[in-house]
Every structure is written in C-alpha cells, then in structure tokens.
N, C-alpha and C. Protein backbone atom coordinates (compact mmCIF):
# COMPACT_ATOMS: atom_id res chain seq x y z
N TRP A 1 -28.09 18.10 2.20
CA TRP A 1 -26.73 18.28 2.82
C TRP A 1 -25.63 17.99 1.70
N SER A 2 -25.99 17.04 0.73
CA SER A 2 -24.98 16.33 -0.04
C SER A 2 -24.65 17.33 -1.12
N SER A 3 -25.44 18.49 -1.29
CA SER A 3 -25.00 19.43 -2.27
C SER A 3 -23.75 20.15 -1.97
N ASP A 4 -23.47 20.46 -0.82
CA ASP A 4 -22.29 20.94 -0.29
C ASP A 4 -21.02 20.19 -0.41
N VAL A 5 -21.13 19.06 -0.90
CA VAL A 5 -19.96 17.83 -0.97
C VAL A 5 -19.43 17.89 -2.30
N CYS A 6 -18.15 18.00 -2.46
CA CYS A 6 -17.48 17.75 -3.84
C CYS A 6 -17.80 16.42 -4.39
N SER A 7 -18.10 16.43 -5.56
CA SER A 7 -18.33 15.14 -6.16
C SER A 7 -17.04 14.09 -6.09
N SER A 8 -16.05 14.88 -6.24
CA SER A 8 -14.74 13.70 -6.21
C SER A 8 -14.57 13.21 -4.79
N ASP A 9 -15.05 14.02 -3.77
CA ASP A 9 -15.07 13.29 -2.51
C ASP A 9 -16.03 12.10 -2.25
N LEU A 10 -17.35 12.26 -2.99
CA LEU A 10 -18.27 11.21 -2.93
C LEU A 10 -17.54 10.05 -3.68
N SER A 11 -16.86 10.39 -4.91
CA SER A 11 -16.51 9.25 -5.68
C SER A 11 -15.23 8.48 -4.95
N ASP A 12 -14.48 9.36 -4.02
CA ASP A 12 -13.22 8.76 -3.44
C ASP A 12 -13.93 7.98 -2.32
N TYR A 13 -15.16 8.27 -1.67
CA TYR A 13 -15.63 7.53 -0.63
C TYR A 13 -16.12 6.30 -1.21
N ALA A 14 -16.72 6.01 -2.33
CA ALA A 14 -17.45 5.15 -3.01
C ALA A 14 -16.20 3.99 -3.26
N ASN A 15 -15.08 4.70 -3.61
CA ASN A 15 -14.16 3.64 -3.84
C ASN A 15 -13.55 3.02 -2.70
N VAL A 16 -13.29 3.76 -1.60
CA VAL A 16 -12.82 3.31 -0.25
C VAL A 16 -13.98 2.37 0.18
N LEU A 17 -15.24 2.55 0.27
CA LEU A 17 -16.15 1.71 0.68
C LEU A 17 -16.14 0.45 -0.19
N SER A 18 -15.79 0.43 -1.30
CA SER A 18 -15.75 -0.73 -2.06
C SER A 18 -14.73 -1.58 -1.68
N GLU A 19 -13.60 -0.87 -1.31
CA GLU A 19 -12.38 -1.70 -1.04
C GLU A 19 -12.42 -2.37 0.22
N TRP A 20 -13.19 -1.92 1.27
CA TRP A 20 -13.48 -2.39 2.56
C TRP A 20 -14.67 -3.04 2.86
N THR A 21 -15.49 -3.51 1.79
CA THR A 21 -16.66 -4.20 1.84
C THR A 21 -16.53 -5.48 1.17
N ARG A 22 -17.13 -6.42 1.89
CA ARG A 22 -17.19 -7.80 1.19
C ARG A 22 -18.70 -8.40 1.44
N LYS A 23 -18.90 -9.45 0.68
CA LYS A 23 -20.21 -9.85 0.75
C LYS A 23 -20.16 -11.47 0.52
N SER A 24 -21.11 -12.14 1.17
CA SER A 24 -21.21 -13.67 0.88
C SER A 24 -22.71 -14.06 1.01
N GLU A 25 -22.97 -15.09 0.57
CA GLU A 25 -24.31 -15.87 0.62
C GLU A 25 -24.26 -17.38 0.90
N ILE A 26 -25.31 -17.67 1.51
CA ILE A 26 -25.53 -19.12 1.98
C ILE A 26 -26.72 -19.68 1.14
N TYR A 27 -26.59 -20.82 0.31
CA TYR A 27 -27.68 -21.46 -0.10
C TYR A 27 -27.84 -22.86 0.36
N GLN A 28 -29.03 -23.40 0.29
CA GLN A 28 -29.26 -24.90 0.44
C GLN A 28 -30.15 -25.13 -0.66
N GLY A 29 -29.22 -25.85 -1.47
CA GLY A 29 -29.90 -26.12 -2.78
C GLY A 29 -30.20 -24.94 -3.76
N LEU A 30 -31.31 -24.60 -4.01
CA LEU A 30 -31.72 -23.33 -4.55
C LEU A 30 -32.13 -22.24 -3.64
N ASP A 31 -32.28 -22.70 -2.55
CA ASP A 31 -33.01 -21.75 -1.52
C ASP A 31 -31.84 -20.93 -0.90
N ASN A 32 -32.06 -19.68 -0.86
CA ASN A 32 -31.34 -18.60 -0.20
C ASN A 32 -31.45 -18.75 1.15
N LYS A 33 -30.50 -18.87 2.11
CA LYS A 33 -30.74 -18.75 3.62
C LYS A 33 -30.05 -17.50 4.22
N LEU A 34 -29.23 -16.94 3.44
CA LEU A 34 -28.46 -15.67 4.11
C LEU A 34 -27.86 -14.86 3.01
N PHE A 35 -28.03 -13.65 2.93
CA PHE A 35 -27.22 -12.73 2.29
C PHE A 35 -26.64 -11.62 3.11
N VAL A 36 -25.23 -11.57 3.18
CA VAL A 36 -24.61 -10.57 4.13
C VAL A 36 -23.41 -9.94 3.37
N GLN A 37 -23.41 -8.54 3.81
CA GLN A 37 -22.49 -7.61 3.54
C GLN A 37 -21.87 -7.05 4.67
N ALA A 38 -20.52 -6.81 4.74
CA ALA A 38 -19.80 -6.17 5.78
C ALA A 38 -18.68 -5.26 5.33
N THR A 39 -18.52 -4.18 6.02
CA THR A 39 -17.56 -3.13 5.81
C THR A 39 -16.78 -3.06 7.07
N TYR A 40 -15.37 -3.19 6.80
CA TYR A 40 -14.50 -3.10 7.92
C TYR A 40 -14.28 -1.58 8.31
N HIS A 41 -14.20 -1.11 9.33
CA HIS A 41 -14.06 0.15 9.72
C HIS A 41 -12.39 0.54 9.90
N ALA A 42 -11.92 0.20 8.81
CA ALA A 42 -10.38 0.75 8.80
C ALA A 42 -10.27 2.34 8.81
N PRO A 43 -9.21 2.83 9.51
CA PRO A 43 -8.97 4.26 9.49
C PRO A 43 -9.12 4.95 8.37
N THR A 44 -8.83 4.37 7.07
CA THR A 44 -9.00 5.04 5.73
C THR A 44 -10.55 5.24 5.56
N PHE A 45 -11.24 4.14 5.85
CA PHE A 45 -12.72 4.38 5.69
C PHE A 45 -13.36 5.45 6.48
N ARG A 46 -12.94 5.55 7.81
CA ARG A 46 -13.39 6.53 8.58
C ARG A 46 -13.05 7.92 8.09
N ARG A 47 -11.91 8.04 7.69
CA ARG A 47 -11.42 9.51 7.09
C ARG A 47 -12.27 9.69 5.90
N ALA A 48 -12.38 8.71 4.91
CA ALA A 48 -13.16 9.09 3.70
C ALA A 48 -14.59 9.42 4.14
N PHE A 49 -15.14 8.74 5.18
CA PHE A 49 -16.64 9.13 5.61
C PHE A 49 -16.65 10.58 6.01
N GLY A 50 -15.71 10.99 6.81
CA GLY A 50 -15.67 12.36 7.34
C GLY A 50 -15.50 13.28 6.18
N THR A 51 -14.77 13.11 5.17
CA THR A 51 -14.72 13.96 4.23
C THR A 51 -15.85 14.11 3.16
N ALA A 52 -16.37 12.72 2.94
CA ALA A 52 -17.51 12.68 2.00
C ALA A 52 -18.70 13.24 2.46
N PHE A 53 -19.08 13.17 4.02
CA PHE A 53 -20.42 13.41 4.57
C PHE A 53 -20.25 14.29 5.89
N PRO A 54 -19.56 15.53 5.64
CA PRO A 54 -19.34 16.43 6.69
C PRO A 54 -20.75 16.83 7.28
N ALA A 55 -21.85 16.86 6.78
CA ALA A 55 -23.07 17.25 7.44
C ALA A 55 -23.50 16.27 8.37
N ILE A 56 -23.24 14.97 8.31
CA ILE A 56 -23.53 13.77 9.18
C ILE A 56 -22.68 13.85 10.27
N TYR A 57 -21.19 14.15 10.29
CA TYR A 57 -20.40 14.11 11.32
C TYR A 57 -20.74 15.07 12.30
N GLY A 58 -21.16 14.60 13.62
CA GLY A 58 -21.28 15.56 14.60
C GLY A 58 -22.93 15.69 14.87
N HIS A 59 -23.77 15.22 13.74
CA HIS A 59 -25.03 15.57 13.73
C HIS A 59 -26.09 14.22 13.76
N GLY A 60 -25.37 13.08 13.44
CA GLY A 60 -26.03 11.90 13.56
C GLY A 60 -26.10 11.34 14.92
N GLY A 61 -26.55 10.10 14.99
CA GLY A 61 -26.73 9.43 16.24
C GLY A 61 -25.32 8.98 16.78
N ARG A 62 -25.42 8.50 17.81
CA ARG A 62 -24.19 8.26 18.52
C ARG A 62 -23.18 7.38 17.75
N ILE A 63 -24.03 6.41 17.05
CA ILE A 63 -23.16 5.43 16.34
C ILE A 63 -22.52 6.18 15.11
N THR A 64 -23.20 7.07 14.44
CA THR A 64 -22.65 7.76 13.16
C THR A 64 -21.40 8.54 13.67
N ARG A 65 -21.60 9.36 14.75
CA ARG A 65 -20.41 10.10 15.42
C ARG A 65 -19.22 9.23 15.71
N GLN A 66 -19.39 8.34 16.69
CA GLN A 66 -18.40 7.82 17.25
C GLN A 66 -17.84 6.51 16.53
N GLU A 67 -18.45 5.87 15.89
CA GLU A 67 -18.06 4.64 15.11
C GLU A 67 -17.38 4.90 13.78
N LEU A 68 -17.97 5.86 13.06
CA LEU A 68 -17.36 6.05 11.77
C LEU A 68 -16.23 6.98 11.69
N VAL A 69 -16.40 7.98 12.58
CA VAL A 69 -15.21 9.09 12.29
C VAL A 69 -14.34 9.19 13.66
N ASP A 70 -14.88 9.36 14.79
CA ASP A 70 -14.05 9.65 15.96
C ASP A 70 -13.04 8.62 16.34
N LEU A 71 -11.86 8.90 16.21
CA LEU A 71 -10.81 7.99 16.55
C LEU A 71 -10.45 7.85 18.02
N SER A 72 -10.93 8.68 18.87
CA SER A 72 -10.85 8.56 20.38
C SER A 72 -11.72 7.77 20.95
N GLY A 73 -11.42 7.27 22.25
CA GLY A 73 -12.17 6.39 23.05
C GLY A 73 -12.14 5.00 22.55
N ASP A 74 -13.46 4.45 22.56
CA ASP A 74 -13.41 2.96 22.35
C ASP A 74 -13.15 2.59 20.83
N VAL A 75 -13.29 3.51 19.93
CA VAL A 75 -13.02 3.10 18.57
C VAL A 75 -11.51 2.31 18.44
N GLU A 76 -10.65 2.80 19.10
CA GLU A 76 -9.38 2.23 18.90
C GLU A 76 -9.04 1.00 19.64
N HIS A 77 -10.20 0.70 20.43
CA HIS A 77 -9.99 -0.62 21.21
C HIS A 77 -10.59 -1.75 20.67
N PHE A 78 -11.15 -1.66 19.49
CA PHE A 78 -12.08 -2.76 18.93
C PHE A 78 -11.91 -2.76 17.29
N HIS A 79 -12.05 -3.88 16.77
CA HIS A 79 -12.09 -4.09 15.41
C HIS A 79 -13.59 -4.02 15.10
N THR A 80 -14.16 -3.09 14.23
CA THR A 80 -15.35 -2.86 14.06
C THR A 80 -15.77 -3.19 12.63
N PHE A 81 -17.06 -3.81 12.52
CA PHE A 81 -17.64 -4.07 11.09
C PHE A 81 -19.10 -3.45 11.17
N PHE A 82 -19.46 -2.96 10.08
CA PHE A 82 -20.80 -2.65 9.74
C PHE A 82 -21.33 -3.76 8.98
N VAL A 83 -22.36 -4.40 9.31
CA VAL A 83 -22.83 -5.75 8.70
C VAL A 83 -24.57 -5.47 8.36
N SER A 84 -24.73 -5.74 7.24
CA SER A 84 -26.15 -5.78 6.55
C SER A 84 -26.47 -7.25 6.18
N ALA A 85 -27.59 -7.61 6.54
CA ALA A 85 -27.91 -8.89 6.41
C ALA A 85 -29.41 -9.14 6.06
N TYR A 86 -29.70 -10.17 5.26
CA TYR A 86 -30.98 -10.54 4.79
C TYR A 86 -31.12 -12.06 4.85
N THR A 87 -32.36 -12.44 5.58
CA THR A 87 -32.51 -13.88 5.83
C THR A 87 -34.15 -13.93 5.25
N PRO A 88 -34.35 -15.01 4.65
CA PRO A 88 -35.71 -15.36 4.08
C PRO A 88 -36.91 -15.23 5.19
N GLN A 89 -36.47 -15.89 6.39
CA GLN A 89 -37.17 -15.86 7.57
C GLN A 89 -36.69 -14.86 8.59
N ALA A 90 -37.54 -13.95 8.79
CA ALA A 90 -37.15 -12.71 9.52
C ALA A 90 -36.71 -13.17 11.04
N ALA A 91 -37.12 -14.32 11.62
CA ALA A 91 -36.75 -14.63 12.83
C ALA A 91 -35.28 -15.05 12.89
N TRP A 92 -34.75 -15.62 11.79
CA TRP A 92 -33.29 -15.84 11.66
C TRP A 92 -32.41 -14.75 11.71
N ASN A 93 -32.85 -13.53 11.41
CA ASN A 93 -32.10 -12.29 11.43
C ASN A 93 -31.95 -11.69 12.69
N ASP A 94 -30.93 -12.44 13.52
CA ASP A 94 -30.92 -11.97 14.91
C ASP A 94 -29.60 -12.18 15.47
N LEU A 95 -28.63 -11.65 14.77
CA LEU A 95 -27.16 -11.54 15.18
C LEU A 95 -27.06 -11.07 16.39
N HIS A 96 -27.95 -10.10 16.96
CA HIS A 96 -27.66 -9.35 18.18
C HIS A 96 -28.12 -10.04 19.53
N LYS A 97 -28.89 -11.10 19.28
CA LYS A 97 -29.43 -11.80 20.40
C LYS A 97 -28.51 -12.90 20.91
N ARG A 98 -28.70 -12.89 22.28
CA ARG A 98 -27.61 -13.95 22.86
C ARG A 98 -28.04 -15.45 22.34
N ASP A 99 -29.37 -15.64 22.09
CA ASP A 99 -29.67 -17.05 21.78
C ASP A 99 -29.80 -17.12 20.22
N SER A 100 -28.95 -16.47 19.43
CA SER A 100 -29.01 -16.30 17.91
C SER A 100 -28.70 -17.62 17.34
N ILE A 101 -29.33 -18.10 16.27
CA ILE A 101 -28.80 -19.21 15.68
C ILE A 101 -27.43 -19.14 14.94
N TRP A 102 -26.87 -17.86 14.83
CA TRP A 102 -25.71 -17.53 14.19
C TRP A 102 -24.62 -17.48 15.12
N ARG A 103 -23.29 -17.99 14.64
CA ARG A 103 -22.04 -17.84 15.37
C ARG A 103 -21.24 -16.86 14.60
N VAL A 104 -20.84 -15.70 15.22
CA VAL A 104 -20.09 -14.76 14.36
C VAL A 104 -18.64 -14.54 15.14
N GLN A 105 -17.62 -14.86 14.28
CA GLN A 105 -16.26 -14.74 14.59
C GLN A 105 -15.43 -13.83 13.76
N MET A 106 -14.33 -13.27 14.13
CA MET A 106 -13.23 -12.62 13.29
C MET A 106 -12.11 -13.57 13.41
N VAL A 107 -11.52 -13.83 12.29
CA VAL A 107 -10.41 -14.91 12.17
C VAL A 107 -9.17 -14.22 11.51
N SER A 108 -8.00 -14.31 11.82
CA SER A 108 -6.86 -13.75 11.13
C SER A 108 -5.92 -15.17 10.43
N ASP A 109 -5.52 -14.69 9.24
CA ASP A 109 -4.56 -15.71 8.83
C ASP A 109 -5.08 -17.16 8.81
N GLU A 110 -6.31 -17.48 8.31
CA GLU A 110 -6.81 -18.75 8.00
C GLU A 110 -6.84 -19.44 9.44
N GLY A 111 -7.28 -18.68 10.43
CA GLY A 111 -7.54 -19.38 11.73
C GLY A 111 -6.54 -19.27 12.80
N ARG A 112 -5.30 -18.62 12.51
CA ARG A 112 -4.36 -18.44 13.37
C ARG A 112 -4.67 -17.78 14.74
N VAL A 113 -5.43 -16.84 14.55
CA VAL A 113 -6.05 -16.06 15.81
C VAL A 113 -7.70 -15.91 15.50
N ARG A 114 -8.44 -16.43 16.49
CA ARG A 114 -9.77 -16.43 16.41
C ARG A 114 -10.60 -15.72 17.42
N VAL A 115 -11.55 -14.92 17.32
CA VAL A 115 -12.26 -14.22 18.39
C VAL A 115 -13.56 -14.07 18.21
N GLY A 116 -14.44 -14.17 19.17
CA GLY A 116 -15.87 -13.82 19.18
C GLY A 116 -16.14 -12.28 19.43
N PRO A 117 -17.37 -11.91 19.11
CA PRO A 117 -17.53 -10.38 19.25
C PRO A 117 -17.72 -9.98 20.75
N ALA A 118 -17.19 -8.75 20.92
CA ALA A 118 -17.56 -8.11 22.05
C ALA A 118 -18.79 -7.53 22.38
N GLU A 119 -19.19 -7.23 21.22
CA GLU A 119 -20.60 -6.56 21.21
C GLU A 119 -21.22 -6.70 19.86
N ILE A 120 -22.66 -6.86 19.57
CA ILE A 120 -23.35 -6.82 18.35
C ILE A 120 -24.54 -5.96 18.76
N ALA A 121 -24.56 -4.80 18.02
CA ALA A 121 -25.66 -3.90 18.13
C ALA A 121 -26.62 -3.80 16.83
N LEU A 122 -27.87 -3.84 17.04
CA LEU A 122 -28.88 -3.67 16.06
C LEU A 122 -28.85 -2.39 15.84
N ILE A 123 -28.72 -1.80 14.57
CA ILE A 123 -28.80 -0.56 14.28
C ILE A 123 -29.93 0.05 13.46
N LYS A 124 -30.79 1.07 13.93
CA LYS A 124 -31.92 1.52 13.10
C LYS A 124 -31.28 1.99 11.76
N VAL A 125 -32.12 1.83 10.78
CA VAL A 125 -31.76 2.17 9.49
C VAL A 125 -32.53 3.54 9.09
N ASP A 126 -31.80 4.46 8.86
CA ASP A 126 -32.48 5.94 8.50
C ASP A 126 -31.87 6.41 7.07
N ALA A 127 -32.25 7.56 6.66
CA ALA A 127 -31.65 8.00 5.56
C ALA A 127 -30.19 8.22 5.49
N ASN A 128 -29.70 8.56 6.37
CA ASN A 128 -28.18 8.92 6.76
C ASN A 128 -27.60 7.61 6.42
N LEU A 129 -28.03 6.60 7.08
CA LEU A 129 -27.25 5.34 6.98
C LEU A 129 -27.39 4.64 5.58
N ARG A 130 -28.46 4.80 4.87
CA ARG A 130 -28.42 4.61 3.48
C ARG A 130 -27.55 5.07 2.42
N GLU A 131 -27.17 6.46 2.93
CA GLU A 131 -26.32 7.17 2.12
C GLU A 131 -24.96 6.55 2.31
N VAL A 132 -24.70 6.25 3.66
CA VAL A 132 -23.21 5.77 3.94
C VAL A 132 -23.08 4.54 3.41
N TYR A 133 -24.04 3.63 3.35
CA TYR A 133 -23.97 2.33 3.04
C TYR A 133 -25.06 2.05 2.06
N PRO A 134 -24.71 2.25 0.77
CA PRO A 134 -26.00 2.24 -0.16
C PRO A 134 -26.25 0.82 -0.58
N TYR A 135 -25.79 -0.17 -0.22
CA TYR A 135 -26.13 -1.62 -0.33
C TYR A 135 -27.07 -2.07 0.52
N ILE A 136 -27.62 -1.23 1.38
CA ILE A 136 -28.58 -1.58 2.52
C ILE A 136 -30.00 -1.58 1.65
N THR A 137 -30.82 -2.78 1.58
CA THR A 137 -32.12 -2.72 1.06
C THR A 137 -33.11 -2.58 2.20
N ARG A 138 -34.32 -2.62 1.76
CA ARG A 138 -35.49 -2.48 2.69
C ARG A 138 -35.66 -3.83 3.35
N PHE A 139 -35.08 -4.86 2.89
CA PHE A 139 -35.27 -6.18 3.60
C PHE A 139 -34.27 -6.40 4.49
N HIS A 140 -33.19 -5.70 4.63
CA HIS A 140 -32.01 -6.00 5.38
C HIS A 140 -32.25 -5.50 6.94
N ARG A 141 -31.48 -6.30 7.68
CA ARG A 141 -31.34 -5.66 8.88
C ARG A 141 -29.67 -5.28 9.11
N THR A 142 -29.42 -4.30 9.98
CA THR A 142 -28.19 -3.79 10.00
C THR A 142 -27.57 -3.71 11.53
N TYR A 143 -26.18 -3.98 11.47
CA TYR A 143 -25.57 -4.34 12.85
C TYR A 143 -24.19 -3.67 12.89
N LEU A 144 -23.68 -3.32 14.22
CA LEU A 144 -22.35 -2.94 14.17
C LEU A 144 -21.83 -4.15 15.11
N VAL A 145 -20.80 -4.71 14.45
CA VAL A 145 -20.24 -5.83 15.42
C VAL A 145 -18.78 -5.44 15.79
N ARG A 146 -18.55 -5.53 17.02
CA ARG A 146 -17.16 -5.07 17.57
C ARG A 146 -16.38 -6.36 17.98
N PHE A 147 -15.32 -6.54 17.72
CA PHE A 147 -14.34 -7.58 18.10
C PHE A 147 -13.36 -6.97 19.04
N PRO A 148 -12.78 -7.52 20.08
CA PRO A 148 -11.58 -7.36 20.87
C PRO A 148 -10.34 -7.40 20.00
N MET A 149 -9.27 -6.57 20.42
CA MET A 149 -8.10 -6.37 19.64
C MET A 149 -7.08 -7.65 19.82
N THR A 150 -7.33 -8.33 20.94
CA THR A 150 -6.67 -9.57 21.26
C THR A 150 -7.55 -10.74 21.56
N ASP A 151 -6.97 -11.98 21.49
CA ASP A 151 -7.69 -13.23 21.98
C ASP A 151 -7.41 -13.37 23.40
N ILE A 152 -8.06 -14.44 23.93
CA ILE A 152 -8.07 -14.74 25.45
C ILE A 152 -6.47 -14.78 25.86
N GLN A 153 -5.60 -15.40 24.80
CA GLN A 153 -4.31 -15.54 25.30
C GLN A 153 -3.30 -14.21 24.97
N GLY A 154 -4.10 -13.26 24.70
CA GLY A 154 -3.34 -11.98 24.59
C GLY A 154 -2.74 -11.76 23.14
N ARG A 155 -2.94 -12.50 22.20
CA ARG A 155 -2.42 -12.66 20.87
C ARG A 155 -3.28 -11.56 20.07
N PRO A 156 -2.51 -10.55 19.31
CA PRO A 156 -3.24 -9.44 18.66
C PRO A 156 -4.04 -10.16 17.40
N VAL A 157 -5.11 -9.62 17.06
CA VAL A 157 -5.99 -10.35 16.10
C VAL A 157 -5.46 -10.02 14.74
N LEU A 158 -5.24 -8.69 14.69
CA LEU A 158 -4.25 -8.23 13.49
C LEU A 158 -3.08 -7.77 13.97
N SER A 159 -1.93 -8.20 13.38
CA SER A 159 -0.56 -7.92 13.73
C SER A 159 0.20 -7.30 12.44
N PRO A 160 1.49 -6.85 12.59
CA PRO A 160 2.16 -6.34 11.51
C PRO A 160 2.42 -7.39 10.44
N THR A 161 2.32 -8.60 10.73
CA THR A 161 2.60 -9.63 9.64
C THR A 161 1.35 -10.31 9.17
N THR A 162 0.11 -9.97 9.59
CA THR A 162 -1.11 -10.50 9.28
C THR A 162 -1.37 -10.49 7.65
N ARG A 163 -1.69 -11.44 7.00
CA ARG A 163 -1.95 -11.39 5.54
C ARG A 163 -3.31 -11.39 5.19
N SER A 164 -4.17 -11.81 6.13
CA SER A 164 -5.50 -11.77 5.81
C SER A 164 -6.36 -11.87 6.92
N PHE A 165 -7.55 -11.38 6.90
CA PHE A 165 -8.54 -11.73 8.02
C PHE A 165 -9.93 -11.68 7.49
N ALA A 166 -10.81 -12.46 8.43
CA ALA A 166 -12.02 -12.82 7.70
C ALA A 166 -13.23 -12.68 8.74
N PHE A 167 -14.33 -12.17 8.41
CA PHE A 167 -15.58 -11.98 9.27
C PHE A 167 -16.46 -13.34 8.80
N ILE A 168 -16.77 -14.22 9.80
CA ILE A 168 -17.37 -15.48 9.55
C ILE A 168 -18.68 -15.61 10.29
N ILE A 169 -19.62 -15.95 9.70
CA ILE A 169 -21.08 -16.10 10.23
C ILE A 169 -21.51 -17.45 10.02
N ALA A 170 -21.82 -18.29 10.91
CA ALA A 170 -22.12 -19.77 10.76
C ALA A 170 -23.22 -20.25 11.51
N SER A 171 -24.05 -21.27 11.06
CA SER A 171 -25.11 -21.91 11.57
C SER A 171 -25.30 -23.15 10.97
N ALA A 172 -26.41 -23.95 11.50
CA ALA A 172 -26.73 -25.23 10.82
C ALA A 172 -27.08 -25.03 9.38
N LEU A 173 -27.67 -23.62 9.07
CA LEU A 173 -27.82 -23.38 7.72
C LEU A 173 -26.78 -23.35 6.67
N GLY A 174 -25.59 -23.14 7.34
CA GLY A 174 -24.24 -22.93 6.41
C GLY A 174 -23.42 -21.74 6.96
N THR A 175 -22.25 -21.62 6.28
CA THR A 175 -21.22 -20.69 6.71
C THR A 175 -20.87 -19.65 5.51
N ALA A 176 -20.90 -18.44 6.03
CA ALA A 176 -20.56 -17.33 5.04
C ALA A 176 -19.35 -16.79 5.60
N THR A 177 -18.15 -16.63 4.72
CA THR A 177 -16.87 -16.30 5.09
C THR A 177 -16.66 -14.95 4.20
N LEU A 178 -16.36 -13.72 4.80
CA LEU A 178 -16.04 -12.56 4.07
C LEU A 178 -14.61 -12.30 4.49
N ARG A 179 -13.71 -12.25 3.50
CA ARG A 179 -12.41 -12.12 3.66
C ARG A 179 -11.62 -11.00 3.02
N TRP A 180 -10.89 -10.33 3.77
CA TRP A 180 -9.92 -9.27 3.32
C TRP A 180 -8.39 -9.61 3.43
N HIS A 181 -7.91 -9.31 2.19
CA HIS A 181 -6.31 -9.50 2.25
C HIS A 181 -5.63 -8.34 2.42
N VAL A 182 -4.57 -8.38 3.03
CA VAL A 182 -3.84 -7.28 3.55
C VAL A 182 -2.37 -7.48 3.22
N ASP A 183 -1.51 -6.21 3.05
CA ASP A 183 -0.05 -6.39 2.92
C ASP A 183 0.53 -6.23 4.27
N PRO A 184 1.48 -7.09 4.67
CA PRO A 184 2.07 -6.92 6.05
C PRO A 184 3.17 -5.95 5.86
N VAL A 185 2.71 -4.71 5.79
CA VAL A 185 3.81 -3.63 5.39
C VAL A 185 4.68 -3.34 6.41
N LEU A 186 4.39 -3.38 7.71
CA LEU A 186 5.38 -3.09 8.70
C LEU A 186 6.33 -3.95 8.83
N GLU A 187 6.43 -5.28 8.40
CA GLU A 187 7.30 -6.30 8.37
C GLU A 187 8.63 -5.78 7.44
N SER A 188 8.18 -5.13 6.25
CA SER A 188 9.22 -4.61 5.28
C SER A 188 9.93 -3.39 6.07
N TYR A 189 9.18 -2.67 6.87
CA TYR A 189 9.68 -1.31 7.59
C TYR A 189 10.66 -2.02 8.48
N GLU A 190 10.58 -2.98 9.13
CA GLU A 190 11.49 -3.65 10.18
C GLU A 190 12.56 -4.18 9.47
N ALA A 191 12.47 -4.78 8.23
CA ALA A 191 13.64 -5.58 7.46
C ALA A 191 14.49 -4.38 6.94
N GLU A 192 14.07 -3.16 6.79
CA GLU A 192 14.92 -2.17 6.43
C GLU A 192 15.51 -1.36 7.50
N GLY A 193 15.23 -1.93 8.70
CA GLY A 193 15.92 -1.31 10.13
C GLY A 193 15.24 0.09 10.44
N LYS A 194 14.10 0.28 10.16
CA LYS A 194 13.36 1.50 10.49
C LYS A 194 12.76 1.40 11.69
N LYS A 195 12.69 2.23 12.64
CA LYS A 195 12.19 2.24 13.95
C LYS A 195 10.69 2.41 13.87
N ILE A 196 9.99 1.62 14.25
CA ILE A 196 8.52 1.51 14.52
C ILE A 196 7.85 1.75 15.80
N ASP A 197 7.00 2.74 15.69
CA ASP A 197 6.14 3.13 17.06
C ASP A 197 5.07 2.15 16.96
N ARG A 198 5.18 1.20 17.82
CA ARG A 198 4.19 0.26 17.91
C ARG A 198 2.69 0.81 18.23
N LYS A 199 2.64 1.79 19.05
CA LYS A 199 1.36 2.17 19.44
C LYS A 199 0.68 2.91 18.25
N SER A 200 1.33 3.68 17.41
CA SER A 200 0.80 4.37 16.31
C SER A 200 0.76 3.61 14.89
N THR A 201 1.38 2.30 14.79
CA THR A 201 1.47 1.83 13.55
C THR A 201 1.02 0.34 13.55
N ARG A 202 0.12 0.14 14.56
CA ARG A 202 -0.55 -1.23 14.58
C ARG A 202 -1.27 -1.43 13.34
N LEU A 203 -1.51 -2.69 13.13
CA LEU A 203 -2.29 -2.97 11.78
C LEU A 203 -3.49 -2.20 11.67
N ASN A 204 -4.20 -2.11 12.64
CA ASN A 204 -5.49 -1.30 12.66
C ASN A 204 -5.18 0.22 12.52
N SER A 205 -4.51 0.69 11.62
CA SER A 205 -4.06 1.94 11.33
C SER A 205 -3.80 2.45 10.13
N SER A 206 -3.40 3.52 9.71
CA SER A 206 -3.22 3.99 8.39
C SER A 206 -2.33 3.16 7.49
N HIS A 207 -1.49 2.34 8.31
CA HIS A 207 -0.62 1.25 7.49
C HIS A 207 -1.27 0.21 6.94
N LEU A 208 -2.56 -0.19 7.31
CA LEU A 208 -3.31 -1.26 7.02
C LEU A 208 -3.73 -1.05 5.35
N VAL A 209 -3.29 -1.87 4.40
CA VAL A 209 -3.52 -1.62 3.12
C VAL A 209 -4.05 -2.93 2.39
N ILE A 210 -4.77 -2.73 1.45
CA ILE A 210 -5.33 -4.06 0.82
C ILE A 210 -4.85 -4.31 -0.63
C-alpha cells in the first residue's frame, strides 16, 4: 500500500514523528532496567499520519482508526501517548496491569498539574504498527496511554500558558522522564488583544507547537 504514497508525505511524517517522540532509559549500574519511547498524539501528528498512510486509515483496527486519525468522539477528551517499552525481565513490562510495578503520570510545567492515566491498553504489534512507529523492536511491548484533560481539581493538564509537559514512568527500579517543551502561543494572542475561541484553540490543538 505504501507505493501509492508520495515520498514527500512519508518524509514529512518522519519529521513530525520525530518532533513528537521522546525516549528515556533506566539503568542500575551497568544493568538496563527499562528502555521506553513515547509519541504524543498531537493533532499535527494525527494529520501527518492520515496523509502518509491513507491505506491504513479506515482499514486498520479500532486503535489505528480512532486514536491516530479520527478527531471526533473520545480522542478530543484525552491526552494520548503511544508507548513502546522494553524490560530485560518480561514480567516487568506490565504497564497495563493494575498491579504493575510502574507508576505512570503526565505532568505539566515541572509538576504544576499532575494526573494518572485514565486507561492503559496493551496493543498488539502488527506490520501496520511497525510502519507507523518504526522504533518498535521485536523485544518491545506497546501501549496506548490515555490521560484525562484535567486533574481532580478541574485544572487543565495543558493550558494556553503551558511551557512543557512530561510522561513519567517510575518504580523502585528508577524513574524515566520524557519531556516535551512547547511554546505558549495563545498567551501572545491574548496579549495582542485578539479574541480566542477557547473550545477550538486549547493547547491540545493545532496551536500546540514545539
């Protein structure tokens, strides 16, 4: 199916994927305990996916259709990350389990707002998924991690003035922090006296830039 896709579309997708992907590692001495990579599903990423992989759109599984491309329904109600993780002990790679050794959080601006996941789904790796996320290896397990838009006090995780956010995974083995830096572009819009439609220009929108 990729033969029908313009090479420039694939190149653009690779650049966008790189922009929205971070990685981290946990070591104890010389021993590796965790390799993890995560891609934040920003609207720019979902649009790039739809352009680069039109044959997957509408034909993949539920995850492929709804989480990567479709902006309707639940997608707009969560901050979603695709996560690929490796641990030397297979039993440790259990982010989706309630009794997992790992605590997963999304944090904004060095801890100003902090939330736990609303859902962690273990995702089966297939050929389509490896094309979309080429950093997956045969030793990795992959997950979709969804966080709520607000914390228990109703504060938005990402706001127009947010300058950074992080995906944090921690256990007694150590802590891995994957951080994205963003420009609070909406703040400058307000400073110029321009009217802002809060529903359509929240930070989890096309105005989110890195």
